Amino acid sequence: MSGRQGGKAKPLKAPKKEKKELDDEDKAFQERKKAEAAARKELAAKAAKGGPLATGGIKKCVS
């Protein structure tokens, strides 16, 4: 057994990604994703406040 065989292996480094030039479609897609994420976050905040989202379901008759 030599040196580090028993120890934890060091992870390999990934090559650096080249920055791509974003065209109009990519920019629009990213803006749409940001808007959807903001809307989802807002809905989650409203749901966290409490109260039922839907008032349907099975109800018992108390007559």
PDB file of N, CA and C in Angstrom:
ATOM      1  N   MET A   1       0.835  -1.179   0.000  1.00  0.00           N
ATOM      2  CA  MET A   1       0.000   0.000   0.000  1.00  0.00           C
ATOM      3  C   MET A   1       0.879   1.242   0.000  1.00  0.00           C
ATOM      4  N   SER A   2       0.566   2.123  -0.889  1.00  0.00           N
ATOM      5  CA  SER A   2       1.355   3.336  -0.944  1.00  0.00           C
ATOM      6  C   SER A   2       0.524   4.519  -0.461  1.00  0.00           C
ATOM      7  N   GLY A   3       1.151   5.556  -0.121  1.00  0.00           N
ATOM      8  CA  GLY A   3       0.636   6.847   0.305  1.00  0.00           C
ATOM      9  C   GLY A   3      -0.813   6.993   0.689  1.00  0.00           C
ATOM     10  N   ARG A   4      -1.673   7.373  -0.250  1.00  0.00           N
ATOM     11  CA  ARG A   4      -3.027   7.789   0.081  1.00  0.00           C
ATOM     12  C   ARG A   4      -4.097   6.782  -0.303  1.00  0.00           C
ATOM     13  N   GLN A   5      -3.770   5.586  -0.590  1.00  0.00           N
ATOM     14  CA  GLN A   5      -4.775   4.641  -1.050  1.00  0.00           C
ATOM     15  C   GLN A   5      -5.859   4.398  -0.013  1.00  0.00           C
ATOM     16  N   GLY A   6      -5.515   4.410   1.272  1.00  0.00           N
ATOM     17  CA  GLY A   6      -6.499   4.153   2.303  1.00  0.00           C
ATOM     18  C   GLY A   6      -7.336   5.375   2.637  1.00  0.00           C
ATOM     19  N   GLY A   7      -6.874   6.547   2.275  1.00  0.00           N
ATOM     20  CA  GLY A   7      -7.558   7.785   2.647  1.00  0.00           C
ATOM     21  C   GLY A   7      -8.637   8.177   1.662  1.00  0.00           C
ATOM     22  N   LYS A   8      -9.233   9.313   1.933  1.00  0.00           N
ATOM     23  CA  LYS A   8     -10.299   9.820   1.076  1.00  0.00           C
ATOM     24  C   LYS A   8      -9.689  10.376  -0.213  1.00  0.00           C
ATOM     25  N   ALA A   9     -10.255   9.982  -1.339  1.00  0.00           N
ATOM     26  CA  ALA A   9      -9.741  10.432  -2.625  1.00  0.00           C
ATOM     27  C   ALA A   9     -10.110  11.898  -2.854  1.00  0.00           C
ATOM     28  N   LYS A  10      -9.221  12.636  -3.428  1.00  0.00           N
ATOM     29  CA  LYS A  10      -9.459  14.042  -3.718  1.00  0.00           C
ATOM     30  C   LYS A  10     -10.322  14.142  -4.979  1.00  0.00           C
ATOM     31  N   PRO A  11     -11.386  14.961  -4.949  1.00  0.00           N
ATOM     32  CA  PRO A  11     -12.231  15.053  -6.144  1.00  0.00           C
ATOM     33  C   PRO A  11     -11.501  15.722  -7.306  1.00  0.00           C
ATOM     34  N   LEU A  12     -11.843  15.295  -8.495  1.00  0.00           N
ATOM     35  CA  LEU A  12     -11.228  15.884  -9.677  1.00  0.00           C
ATOM     36  C   LEU A  12     -11.816  17.268  -9.914  1.00  0.00           C
ATOM     37  N   LYS A  13     -10.980  18.172 -10.379  1.00  0.00           N
ATOM     38  CA  LYS A  13     -11.461  19.520 -10.652  1.00  0.00           C
ATOM     39  C   LYS A  13     -12.132  19.543 -12.019  1.00  0.00           C
ATOM     40  N   ALA A  14     -13.289  20.190 -12.071  1.00  0.00           N
ATOM     41  CA  ALA A  14     -13.995  20.325 -13.340  1.00  0.00           C
ATOM     42  C   ALA A  14     -13.365  21.471 -14.126  1.00  0.00           C
ATOM     43  N   PRO A  15     -13.289  21.346 -15.439  1.00  0.00           N
ATOM     44  CA  PRO A  15     -12.745  22.447 -16.232  1.00  0.00           C
ATOM     45  C   PRO A  15     -13.658  23.664 -16.153  1.00  0.00           C
ATOM     46  N   LYS A  16     -13.050  24.838 -16.214  1.00  0.00           N
ATOM     47  CA  LYS A  16     -13.835  26.065 -16.125  1.00  0.00           C
ATOM     48  C   LYS A  16     -14.726  26.201 -17.354  1.00  0.00           C
ATOM     49  N   LYS A  17     -15.965  26.647 -17.099  1.00  0.00           N
ATOM     50  CA  LYS A  17     -16.907  26.818 -18.200  1.00  0.00           C
ATOM     51  C   LYS A  17     -16.654  28.158 -18.871  1.00  0.00           C
ATOM     52  N   GLU A  18     -16.747  28.133 -20.177  1.00  0.00           N
ATOM     53  CA  GLU A  18     -16.589  29.380 -20.914  1.00  0.00           C
ATOM     54  C   GLU A  18     -17.893  30.154 -20.857  1.00  0.00           C
ATOM     55  N   LYS A  19     -17.783  31.450 -20.669  1.00  0.00           N
ATOM     56  CA  LYS A  19     -18.995  32.267 -20.631  1.00  0.00           C
ATOM     57  C   LYS A  19     -19.510  32.440 -22.043  1.00  0.00           C
ATOM     58  N   LYS A  20     -20.804  32.150 -22.205  1.00  0.00           N
ATOM     59  CA  LYS A  20     -21.405  32.260 -23.530  1.00  0.00           C
ATOM     60  C   LYS A  20     -22.050  33.629 -23.680  1.00  0.00           C
ATOM     61  N   GLU A  21     -22.103  34.081 -24.876  1.00  0.00           N
ATOM     62  CA  GLU A  21     -22.838  35.304 -25.183  1.00  0.00           C
ATOM     63  C   GLU A  21     -24.317  34.946 -25.202  1.00  0.00           C
ATOM     64  N   LEU A  22     -25.131  35.660 -24.463  1.00  0.00           N
ATOM     65  CA  LEU A  22     -26.559  35.372 -24.425  1.00  0.00           C
ATOM     66  C   LEU A  22     -27.265  36.169 -25.517  1.00  0.00           C
ATOM     67  N   ASP A  23     -28.091  35.473 -26.294  1.00  0.00           N
ATOM     68  CA  ASP A  23     -28.858  36.184 -27.297  1.00  0.00           C
ATOM     69  C   ASP A  23     -30.209  36.581 -26.696  1.00  0.00           C
ATOM     70  N   ASP A  24     -31.053  37.211 -27.481  1.00  0.00           N
ATOM     71  CA  ASP A  24     -32.323  37.741 -26.989  1.00  0.00           C
ATOM     72  C   ASP A  24     -33.235  36.644 -26.442  1.00  0.00           C
ATOM     73  N   GLU A  25     -33.237  35.482 -27.097  1.00  0.00           N
ATOM     74  CA  GLU A  25     -34.087  34.377 -26.629  1.00  0.00           C
ATOM     75  C   GLU A  25     -33.667  33.912 -25.245  1.00  0.00           C
ATOM     76  N   ASP A  26     -32.358  33.770 -25.039  1.00  0.00           N
ATOM     77  CA  ASP A  26     -31.856  33.327 -23.740  1.00  0.00           C
ATOM     78  C   ASP A  26     -32.180  34.345 -22.647  1.00  0.00           C
ATOM     79  N   LYS A  27     -32.015  35.618 -22.959  1.00  0.00           N
ATOM     80  CA  LYS A  27     -32.323  36.668 -21.986  1.00  0.00           C
ATOM     81  C   LYS A  27     -33.804  36.653 -21.636  1.00  0.00           C
ATOM     82  N   ALA A  28     -34.660  36.488 -22.646  1.00  0.00           N
ATOM     83  CA  ALA A  28     -36.104  36.454 -22.406  1.00  0.00           C
ATOM     84  C   ALA A  28     -36.472  35.236 -21.565  1.00  0.00           C
ATOM     85  N   PHE A  29     -35.833  34.112 -21.832  1.00  0.00           N
ATOM     86  CA  PHE A  29     -36.103  32.889 -21.072  1.00  0.00           C
ATOM     87  C   PHE A  29     -35.715  33.077 -19.607  1.00  0.00           C
ATOM     88  N   GLN A  30     -34.555  33.690 -19.355  1.00  0.00           N
ATOM     89  CA  GLN A  30     -34.122  33.917 -17.985  1.00  0.00           C
ATOM     90  C   GLN A  30     -35.052  34.882 -17.262  1.00  0.00           C
ATOM     91  N   GLU A  31     -35.511  35.923 -17.944  1.00  0.00           N
ATOM     92  CA  GLU A  31     -36.448  36.868 -17.334  1.00  0.00           C
ATOM     93  C   GLU A  31     -37.760  36.173 -16.990  1.00  0.00           C
ATOM     94  N   ARG A  32     -38.229  35.292 -17.888  1.00  0.00           N
ATOM     95  CA  ARG A  32     -39.468  34.560 -17.653  1.00  0.00           C
ATOM     96  C   ARG A  32     -39.320  33.638 -16.435  1.00  0.00           C
ATOM     97  N   LYS A  33     -38.162  32.974 -16.333  1.00  0.00           N
ATOM     98  CA  LYS A  33     -37.917  32.102 -15.187  1.00  0.00           C
ATOM     99  C   LYS A  33     -37.917  32.892 -13.887  1.00  0.00           C
ATOM    100  N   LYS A  34     -37.295  34.083 -13.898  1.00  0.00           N
ATOM    101  CA  LYS A  34     -37.271  34.921 -12.705  1.00  0.00           C
ATOM    102  C   LYS A  34     -38.681  35.355 -12.321  1.00  0.00           C
ATOM    103  N   ALA A  35     -39.490  35.723 -13.316  1.00  0.00           N
ATOM    104  CA  ALA A  35     -40.866  36.154 -13.055  1.00  0.00           C
ATOM    105  C   ALA A  35     -41.690  35.011 -12.486  1.00  0.00           C
ATOM    106  N   GLU A  36     -41.532  33.814 -13.040  1.00  0.00           N
ATOM    107  CA  GLU A  36     -42.263  32.649 -12.532  1.00  0.00           C
ATOM    108  C   GLU A  36     -41.844  32.319 -11.105  1.00  0.00           C
ATOM    109  N   ALA A  37     -40.551  32.413 -10.817  1.00  0.00           N
ATOM    110  CA  ALA A  37     -40.066  32.130  -9.467  1.00  0.00           C
ATOM    111  C   ALA A  37     -40.629  33.155  -8.482  1.00  0.00           C
ATOM    112  N   ALA A  38     -40.688  34.419  -8.881  1.00  0.00           N
ATOM    113  CA  ALA A  38     -41.230  35.453  -8.008  1.00  0.00           C
ATOM    114  C   ALA A  38     -42.720  35.210  -7.761  1.00  0.00           C
ATOM    115  N   ALA A  39     -43.461  34.818  -8.798  1.00  0.00           N
ATOM    116  CA  ALA A  39     -44.885  34.544  -8.648  1.00  0.00           C
ATOM    117  C   ALA A  39     -45.100  33.343  -7.733  1.00  0.00           C
ATOM    118  N   ARG A  40     -44.281  32.306  -7.881  1.00  0.00           N
ATOM    119  CA  ARG A  40     -44.383  31.122  -7.031  1.00  0.00           C
ATOM    120  C   ARG A  40     -44.103  31.488  -5.575  1.00  0.00           C
ATOM    121  N   LYS A  41     -43.106  32.335  -5.360  1.00  0.00           N
ATOM    122  CA  LYS A  41     -42.746  32.750  -4.009  1.00  0.00           C
ATOM    123  C   LYS A  41     -43.889  33.551  -3.381  1.00  0.00           C
ATOM    124  N   GLU A  42     -44.509  34.405  -4.181  1.00  0.00           N
ATOM    125  CA  GLU A  42     -45.627  35.209  -3.698  1.00  0.00           C
ATOM    126  C   GLU A  42     -46.815  34.315  -3.330  1.00  0.00           C
ATOM    127  N   LEU A  43     -47.115  33.331  -4.155  1.00  0.00           N
ATOM    128  CA  LEU A  43     -48.206  32.407  -3.851  1.00  0.00           C
ATOM    129  C   LEU A  43     -47.911  31.595  -2.595  1.00  0.00           C
ATOM    130  N   ALA A  44     -46.669  31.204  -2.419  1.00  0.00           N
ATOM    131  CA  ALA A  44     -46.292  30.452  -1.226  1.00  0.00           C
ATOM    132  C   ALA A  44     -46.456  31.317   0.018  1.00  0.00           C
ATOM    133  N   ALA A  45     -46.134  32.607  -0.095  1.00  0.00           N
ATOM    134  CA  ALA A  45     -46.297  33.514   1.039  1.00  0.00           C
ATOM    135  C   ALA A  45     -47.775  33.681   1.382  1.00  0.00           C
ATOM    136  N   LYS A  46     -48.616  33.772   0.359  1.00  0.00           N
ATOM    137  CA  LYS A  46     -50.056  33.892   0.597  1.00  0.00           C
ATOM    138  C   LYS A  46     -50.596  32.625   1.248  1.00  0.00           C
ATOM    139  N   ALA A  47     -50.125  31.474   0.805  1.00  0.00           N
ATOM    140  CA  ALA A  47     -50.590  30.206   1.350  1.00  0.00           C
ATOM    141  C   ALA A  47     -50.113  30.040   2.793  1.00  0.00           C
ATOM    142  N   ALA A  48     -48.946  30.582   3.113  1.00  0.00           N
ATOM    143  CA  ALA A  48     -48.401  30.441   4.455  1.00  0.00           C
ATOM    144  C   ALA A  48     -49.174  31.286   5.468  1.00  0.00           C
ATOM    145  N   LYS A  49     -49.858  32.330   5.001  1.00  0.00           N
ATOM    146  CA  LYS A  49     -50.614  33.191   5.908  1.00  0.00           C
ATOM    147  C   LYS A  49     -51.742  32.424   6.578  1.00  0.00           C
ATOM    148  N   GLY A  50     -52.240  31.433   5.925  1.00  0.00           N
ATOM    149  CA  GLY A  50     -53.282  30.609   6.515  1.00  0.00           C
ATOM    150  C   GLY A  50     -54.558  30.693   5.719  1.00  0.00           C
ATOM    151  N   GLY A  51     -55.519  29.914   6.148  1.00  0.00           N
ATOM    152  CA  GLY A  51     -56.787  29.901   5.452  1.00  0.00           C
ATOM    153  C   GLY A  51     -56.794  28.860   4.363  1.00  0.00           C
ATOM    154  N   PRO A  52     -57.955  28.328   4.092  1.00  0.00           N
ATOM    155  CA  PRO A  52     -58.042  27.301   3.053  1.00  0.00           C
ATOM    156  C   PRO A  52     -57.921  27.914   1.665  1.00  0.00           C
ATOM    157  N   LEU A  53     -57.244  27.208   0.796  1.00  0.00           N
ATOM    158  CA  LEU A  53     -57.130  27.668  -0.585  1.00  0.00           C
ATOM    159  C   LEU A  53     -58.406  27.325  -1.348  1.00  0.00           C
ATOM    160  N   ALA A  54     -58.971  26.169  -1.066  1.00  0.00           N
ATOM    161  CA  ALA A  54     -60.212  25.757  -1.715  1.00  0.00           C
ATOM    162  C   ALA A  54     -61.214  25.430  -0.610  1.00  0.00           C
ATOM    163  N   THR A  55     -62.438  25.878  -0.776  1.00  0.00           N
ATOM    164  CA  THR A  55     -63.432  25.658   0.282  1.00  0.00           C
ATOM    165  C   THR A  55     -64.410  24.565  -0.102  1.00  0.00           C
ATOM    166  N   GLY A  56     -63.987  23.619  -0.895  1.00  0.00           N
ATOM    167  CA  GLY A  56     -64.861  22.521  -1.309  1.00  0.00           C
ATOM    168  C   GLY A  56     -64.639  21.317  -0.421  1.00  0.00           C
ATOM    169  N   GLY A  57     -65.054  20.183  -0.876  1.00  0.00           N
ATOM    170  CA  GLY A  57     -64.813  18.967  -0.142  1.00  0.00           C
ATOM    171  C   GLY A  57     -66.101  18.374   0.417  1.00  0.00           C
ATOM    172  N   ILE A  58     -65.961  17.322   1.181  1.00  0.00           N
ATOM    173  CA  ILE A  58     -67.122  16.631   1.744  1.00  0.00           C
ATOM    174  C   ILE A  58     -67.514  17.341   3.043  1.00  0.00           C
ATOM    175  N   LYS A  59     -68.770  17.667   3.134  1.00  0.00           N
ATOM    176  CA  LYS A  59     -69.264  18.321   4.342  1.00  0.00           C
ATOM    177  C   LYS A  59     -70.329  17.456   4.973  1.00  0.00           C
ATOM    178  N   LYS A  60     -70.334  17.422   6.288  1.00  0.00           N
ATOM    179  CA  LYS A  60     -71.348  16.644   6.993  1.00  0.00           C
ATOM    180  C   LYS A  60     -72.550  17.535   7.266  1.00  0.00           C
ATOM    181  N   CYS A  61     -73.692  16.938   7.222  1.00  0.00           N
ATOM    182  CA  CYS A  61     -74.913  17.648   7.526  1.00  0.00           C
ATOM    183  C   CYS A  61     -75.138  17.520   9.036  1.00  0.00           C
ATOM    184  N   VAL A  62     -75.360  18.634   9.724  1.00  0.00           N
ATOM    185  CA  VAL A  62     -75.485  18.629  11.177  1.00  0.00           C
ATOM    186  C   VAL A  62     -76.924  18.872  11.581  1.00  0.00           C
ATOM    187  N   SER A  63     -77.887  18.386  10.848  1.00  0.00           N
ATOM    188  CA  SER A  63     -79.301  18.624  11.185  1.00  0.00           C
ATOM    189  C   SER A  63     -79.766  17.765  12.311  1.00  0.00           C
TER     190      SER A  63
END
